[in-house]
Amino acid sequence: MLGALKVPAFHAFVRAYKTHERVALEGVSIHQGANAREAQRNYDRIAEKVTCEW
């Protein structure tokens, strides 16, 4: 949809994992959460895209 309008968009995404809820309740970052490796990778991919674009 955005591509058809010539609006640049990222192709990376963040999946909804149970660990996202858990770290929010514990008050810690996704990098500190237990069993959060794949969730962390999702955020890292987005961060990489943002820093490459800027």
PDB file of N, CA and C in Angstrom:
ATOM      1  N   MET A   1       0.814  -1.186   0.000  1.00  0.00           N
ATOM      2  CA  MET A   1       0.000   0.000   0.000  1.00  0.00           C
ATOM      3  C   MET A   1       0.865   1.260   0.000  1.00  0.00           C
ATOM      4  N   LEU A   2       1.815   1.346   0.925  1.00  0.00           N
ATOM      5  CA  LEU A   2       2.679   2.513   0.954  1.00  0.00           C
ATOM      6  C   LEU A   2       3.574   2.576  -0.274  1.00  0.00           C
ATOM      7  N   GLY A   3       4.021   1.419  -0.740  1.00  0.00           N
ATOM      8  CA  GLY A   3       4.863   1.369  -1.933  1.00  0.00           C
ATOM      9  C   GLY A   3       4.156   1.927  -3.152  1.00  0.00           C
ATOM     10  N   ALA A   4       2.880   1.651  -3.279  1.00  0.00           N
ATOM     11  CA  ALA A   4       2.098   2.163  -4.408  1.00  0.00           C
ATOM     12  C   ALA A   4       2.012   3.683  -4.373  1.00  0.00           C
ATOM     13  N   LEU A   5       2.089   4.245  -3.168  1.00  0.00           N
ATOM     14  CA  LEU A   5       2.044   5.706  -3.014  1.00  0.00           C
ATOM     15  C   LEU A   5       3.437   6.325  -3.021  1.00  0.00           C
ATOM     16  N   LYS A   6       4.464   5.479  -3.259  1.00  0.00           N
ATOM     17  CA  LYS A   6       5.869   5.907  -3.272  1.00  0.00           C
ATOM     18  C   LYS A   6       6.337   6.435  -1.900  1.00  0.00           C
ATOM     19  N   VAL A   7       5.756   5.896  -0.837  1.00  0.00           N
ATOM     20  CA  VAL A   7       6.152   6.247   0.522  1.00  0.00           C
ATOM     21  C   VAL A   7       7.144   5.200   0.999  1.00  0.00           C
ATOM     22  N   PRO A   8       8.361   5.601   1.386  1.00  0.00           N
ATOM     23  CA  PRO A   8       9.332   4.609   1.858  1.00  0.00           C
ATOM     24  C   PRO A   8       8.872   3.960   3.159  1.00  0.00           C
ATOM     25  N   ALA A   9       9.095   2.669   3.269  1.00  0.00           N
ATOM     26  CA  ALA A   9       8.698   1.932   4.472  1.00  0.00           C
ATOM     27  C   ALA A   9       9.705   0.820   4.737  1.00  0.00           C
ATOM     28  N   PHE A  10       9.833   0.441   5.991  1.00  0.00           N
ATOM     29  CA  PHE A  10      10.709  -0.662   6.369  1.00  0.00           C
ATOM     30  C   PHE A  10      10.023  -1.984   6.062  1.00  0.00           C
ATOM     31  N   HIS A  11      10.826  -2.998   5.812  1.00  0.00           N
ATOM     32  CA  HIS A  11      10.285  -4.330   5.587  1.00  0.00           C
ATOM     33  C   HIS A  11      10.480  -5.215   6.821  1.00  0.00           C
ATOM     34  N   ALA A  12      11.220  -4.710   7.811  1.00  0.00           N
ATOM     35  CA  ALA A  12      11.399  -5.437   9.067  1.00  0.00           C
ATOM     36  C   ALA A  12      10.173  -5.210   9.943  1.00  0.00           C
ATOM     37  N   PHE A  13       9.968  -6.092  10.894  1.00  0.00           N
ATOM     38  CA  PHE A  13       8.812  -5.972  11.775  1.00  0.00           C
ATOM     39  C   PHE A  13       9.146  -6.553  13.134  1.00  0.00           C
ATOM     40  N   VAL A  14       8.317  -6.234  14.108  1.00  0.00           N
ATOM     41  CA  VAL A  14       8.469  -6.773  15.459  1.00  0.00           C
ATOM     42  C   VAL A  14       7.278  -7.671  15.726  1.00  0.00           C
ATOM     43  N   ARG A  15       7.556  -8.933  15.971  1.00  0.00           N
ATOM     44  CA  ARG A  15       6.495  -9.886  16.286  1.00  0.00           C
ATOM     45  C   ARG A  15       6.017  -9.680  17.725  1.00  0.00           C
ATOM     46  N   ALA A  16       4.813 -10.098  18.005  1.00  0.00           N
ATOM     47  CA  ALA A  16       4.276 -10.013  19.369  1.00  0.00           C
ATOM     48  C   ALA A  16       4.611 -11.318  20.103  1.00  0.00           C
ATOM     49  N   TYR A  17       5.538 -11.230  21.037  1.00  0.00           N
ATOM     50  CA  TYR A  17       5.935 -12.383  21.835  1.00  0.00           C
ATOM     51  C   TYR A  17       5.461 -12.193  23.270  1.00  0.00           C
ATOM     52  N   LYS A  18       5.274 -13.275  23.962  1.00  0.00           N
ATOM     53  CA  LYS A  18       4.894 -13.229  25.375  1.00  0.00           C
ATOM     54  C   LYS A  18       5.942 -12.463  26.180  1.00  0.00           C
ATOM     55  N   THR A  19       7.176 -12.563  25.778  1.00  0.00           N
ATOM     56  CA  THR A  19       8.245 -11.887  26.518  1.00  0.00           C
ATOM     57  C   THR A  19       8.095 -10.374  26.479  1.00  0.00           C
ATOM     58  N   HIS A  20       7.444  -9.819  25.445  1.00  0.00           N
ATOM     59  CA  HIS A  20       7.209  -8.377  25.409  1.00  0.00           C
ATOM     60  C   HIS A  20       6.339  -7.964  26.599  1.00  0.00           C
ATOM     61  N   GLU A  21       5.312  -8.736  26.876  1.00  0.00           N
ATOM     62  CA  GLU A  21       4.448  -8.450  28.026  1.00  0.00           C
ATOM     63  C   GLU A  21       5.230  -8.616  29.329  1.00  0.00           C
ATOM     64  N   ARG A  22       6.001  -9.671  29.387  1.00  0.00           N
ATOM     65  CA  ARG A  22       6.735  -9.996  30.610  1.00  0.00           C
ATOM     66  C   ARG A  22       7.732  -8.898  30.985  1.00  0.00           C
ATOM     67  N   VAL A  23       8.513  -8.425  30.007  1.00  0.00           N
ATOM     68  CA  VAL A  23       9.516  -7.400  30.331  1.00  0.00           C
ATOM     69  C   VAL A  23       8.855  -6.083  30.712  1.00  0.00           C
ATOM     70  N   ALA A  24       7.705  -5.780  30.107  1.00  0.00           N
ATOM     71  CA  ALA A  24       6.986  -4.555  30.477  1.00  0.00           C
ATOM     72  C   ALA A  24       6.523  -4.632  31.928  1.00  0.00           C
ATOM     73  N   LEU A  25       6.013  -5.783  32.327  1.00  0.00           N
ATOM     74  CA  LEU A  25       5.558  -5.959  33.708  1.00  0.00           C
ATOM     75  C   LEU A  25       6.719  -5.936  34.697  1.00  0.00           C
ATOM     76  N   GLU A  26       7.878  -6.450  34.262  1.00  0.00           N
ATOM     77  CA  GLU A  26       9.060  -6.487  35.129  1.00  0.00           C
ATOM     78  C   GLU A  26       9.810  -5.160  35.126  1.00  0.00           C
ATOM     79  N   GLY A  27       9.498  -4.287  34.177  1.00  0.00           N
ATOM     80  CA  GLY A  27      10.164  -2.984  34.106  1.00  0.00           C
ATOM     81  C   GLY A  27      11.594  -3.055  33.600  1.00  0.00           C
ATOM     82  N   VAL A  28      11.876  -4.028  32.743  1.00  0.00           N
ATOM     83  CA  VAL A  28      13.218  -4.164  32.181  1.00  0.00           C
ATOM     84  C   VAL A  28      13.135  -4.075  30.663  1.00  0.00           C
ATOM     85  N   SER A  29      14.286  -3.875  30.007  1.00  0.00           N
ATOM     86  CA  SER A  29      14.287  -3.802  28.548  1.00  0.00           C
ATOM     87  C   SER A  29      14.185  -5.195  27.948  1.00  0.00           C
ATOM     88  N   ILE A  30      13.859  -5.246  26.677  1.00  0.00           N
ATOM     89  CA  ILE A  30      13.742  -6.528  25.978  1.00  0.00           C
ATOM     90  C   ILE A  30      15.073  -7.277  25.999  1.00  0.00           C
ATOM     91  N   HIS A  31      16.170  -6.544  26.067  1.00  0.00           N
ATOM     92  CA  HIS A  31      17.498  -7.170  26.084  1.00  0.00           C
ATOM     93  C   HIS A  31      17.771  -7.883  27.405  1.00  0.00           C
ATOM     94  N   GLN A  32      17.036  -7.532  28.456  1.00  0.00           N
ATOM     95  CA  GLN A  32      17.246  -8.142  29.768  1.00  0.00           C
ATOM     96  C   GLN A  32      16.243  -9.253  30.074  1.00  0.00           C
ATOM     97  N   GLY A  33      15.244  -9.409  29.248  1.00  0.00           N
ATOM     98  CA  GLY A  33      14.201 -10.390  29.513  1.00  0.00           C
ATOM     99  C   GLY A  33      14.676 -11.818  29.315  1.00  0.00           C
ATOM    100  N   ALA A  34      14.072 -12.725  30.065  1.00  0.00           N
ATOM    101  CA  ALA A  34      14.396 -14.137  29.937  1.00  0.00           C
ATOM    102  C   ALA A  34      13.828 -14.686  28.621  1.00  0.00           C
ATOM    103  N   ASN A  35      14.590 -15.506  27.946  1.00  0.00           N
ATOM    104  CA  ASN A  35      14.164 -16.137  26.689  1.00  0.00           C
ATOM    105  C   ASN A  35      13.734 -15.116  25.636  1.00  0.00           C
ATOM    106  N   ALA A  36      14.444 -14.024  25.532  1.00  0.00           N
ATOM    107  CA  ALA A  36      14.029 -12.929  24.670  1.00  0.00           C
ATOM    108  C   ALA A  36      14.892 -12.782  23.424  1.00  0.00           C
ATOM    109  N   ARG A  37      15.685 -13.773  23.095  1.00  0.00           N
ATOM    110  CA  ARG A  37      16.645 -13.652  22.004  1.00  0.00           C
ATOM    111  C   ARG A  37      15.994 -13.257  20.668  1.00  0.00           C
ATOM    112  N   GLU A  38      14.945 -13.940  20.258  1.00  0.00           N
ATOM    113  CA  GLU A  38      14.310 -13.626  18.971  1.00  0.00           C
ATOM    114  C   GLU A  38      13.586 -12.286  19.026  1.00  0.00           C
ATOM    115  N   ALA A  39      12.952 -11.992  20.138  1.00  0.00           N
ATOM    116  CA  ALA A  39      12.303 -10.689  20.295  1.00  0.00           C
ATOM    117  C   ALA A  39      13.339  -9.578  20.214  1.00  0.00           C
ATOM    118  N   GLN A  40      14.481  -9.800  20.817  1.00  0.00           N
ATOM    119  CA  GLN A  40      15.573  -8.828  20.766  1.00  0.00           C
ATOM    120  C   GLN A  40      16.039  -8.637  19.327  1.00  0.00           C
ATOM    121  N   ARG A  41      16.163  -9.703  18.583  1.00  0.00           N
ATOM    122  CA  ARG A  41      16.590  -9.601  17.182  1.00  0.00           C
ATOM    123  C   ARG A  41      15.624  -8.758  16.358  1.00  0.00           C
ATOM    124  N   ASN A  42      14.315  -8.881  16.634  1.00  0.00           N
ATOM    125  CA  ASN A  42      13.329  -8.060  15.924  1.00  0.00           C
ATOM    126  C   ASN A  42      13.609  -6.586  16.136  1.00  0.00           C
ATOM    127  N   TYR A  43      13.809  -6.183  17.377  1.00  0.00           N
ATOM    128  CA  TYR A  43      14.096  -4.780  17.676  1.00  0.00           C
ATOM    129  C   TYR A  43      15.431  -4.354  17.074  1.00  0.00           C
ATOM    130  N   ASP A  44      16.412  -5.222  17.132  1.00  0.00           N
ATOM    131  CA  ASP A  44      17.723  -4.892  16.570  1.00  0.00           C
ATOM    132  C   ASP A  44      17.642  -4.667  15.056  1.00  0.00           C
ATOM    133  N   ARG A  45      16.821  -5.449  14.353  1.00  0.00           N
ATOM    134  CA  ARG A  45      16.651  -5.263  12.907  1.00  0.00           C
ATOM    135  C   ARG A  45      16.031  -3.902  12.599  1.00  0.00           C
ATOM    136  N   ILE A  46      15.046  -3.503  13.386  1.00  0.00           N
ATOM    137  CA  ILE A  46      14.418  -2.196  13.194  1.00  0.00           C
ATOM    138  C   ILE A  46      15.443  -1.089  13.456  1.00  0.00           C
ATOM    139  N   ALA A  47      16.186  -1.216  14.542  1.00  0.00           N
ATOM    140  CA  ALA A  47      17.196  -0.206  14.879  1.00  0.00           C
ATOM    141  C   ALA A  47      18.243  -0.102  13.775  1.00  0.00           C
ATOM    142  N   GLU A  48      18.643  -1.223  13.215  1.00  0.00           N
ATOM    143  CA  GLU A  48      19.615  -1.219  12.134  1.00  0.00           C
ATOM    144  C   GLU A  48      19.058  -0.486  10.912  1.00  0.00           C
ATOM    145  N   LYS A  49      17.801  -0.736  10.576  1.00  0.00           N
ATOM    146  CA  LYS A  49      17.168  -0.059   9.441  1.00  0.00           C
ATOM    147  C   LYS A  49      17.123   1.450   9.659  1.00  0.00           C
ATOM    148  N   VAL A  50      16.738   1.857  10.871  1.00  0.00           N
ATOM    149  CA  VAL A  50      16.620   3.280  11.171  1.00  0.00           C
ATOM    150  C   VAL A  50      17.989   3.957  11.065  1.00  0.00           C
ATOM    151  N   THR A  51      19.000   3.345  11.615  1.00  0.00           N
ATOM    152  CA  THR A  51      20.316   3.970  11.587  1.00  0.00           C
ATOM    153  C   THR A  51      20.915   3.987  10.193  1.00  0.00           C
ATOM    154  N   CYS A  52      20.596   3.010   9.368  1.00  0.00           N
ATOM    155  CA  CYS A  52      21.092   2.997   7.989  1.00  0.00           C
ATOM    156  C   CYS A  52      20.417   4.079   7.154  1.00  0.00           C
ATOM    157  N   GLU A  53      19.137   4.310   7.405  1.00  0.00           N
ATOM    158  CA  GLU A  53      18.386   5.313   6.642  1.00  0.00           C
ATOM    159  C   GLU A  53      18.803   6.726   7.002  1.00  0.00           C
ATOM    160  N   TRP A  54      19.254   6.959   8.239  1.00  0.00           N
ATOM    161  CA  TRP A  54      19.633   8.290   8.660  1.00  0.00           C
ATOM    162  C   TRP A  54      21.077   8.486   8.361  1.00  0.00           C
TER     163      TRP A  54
END
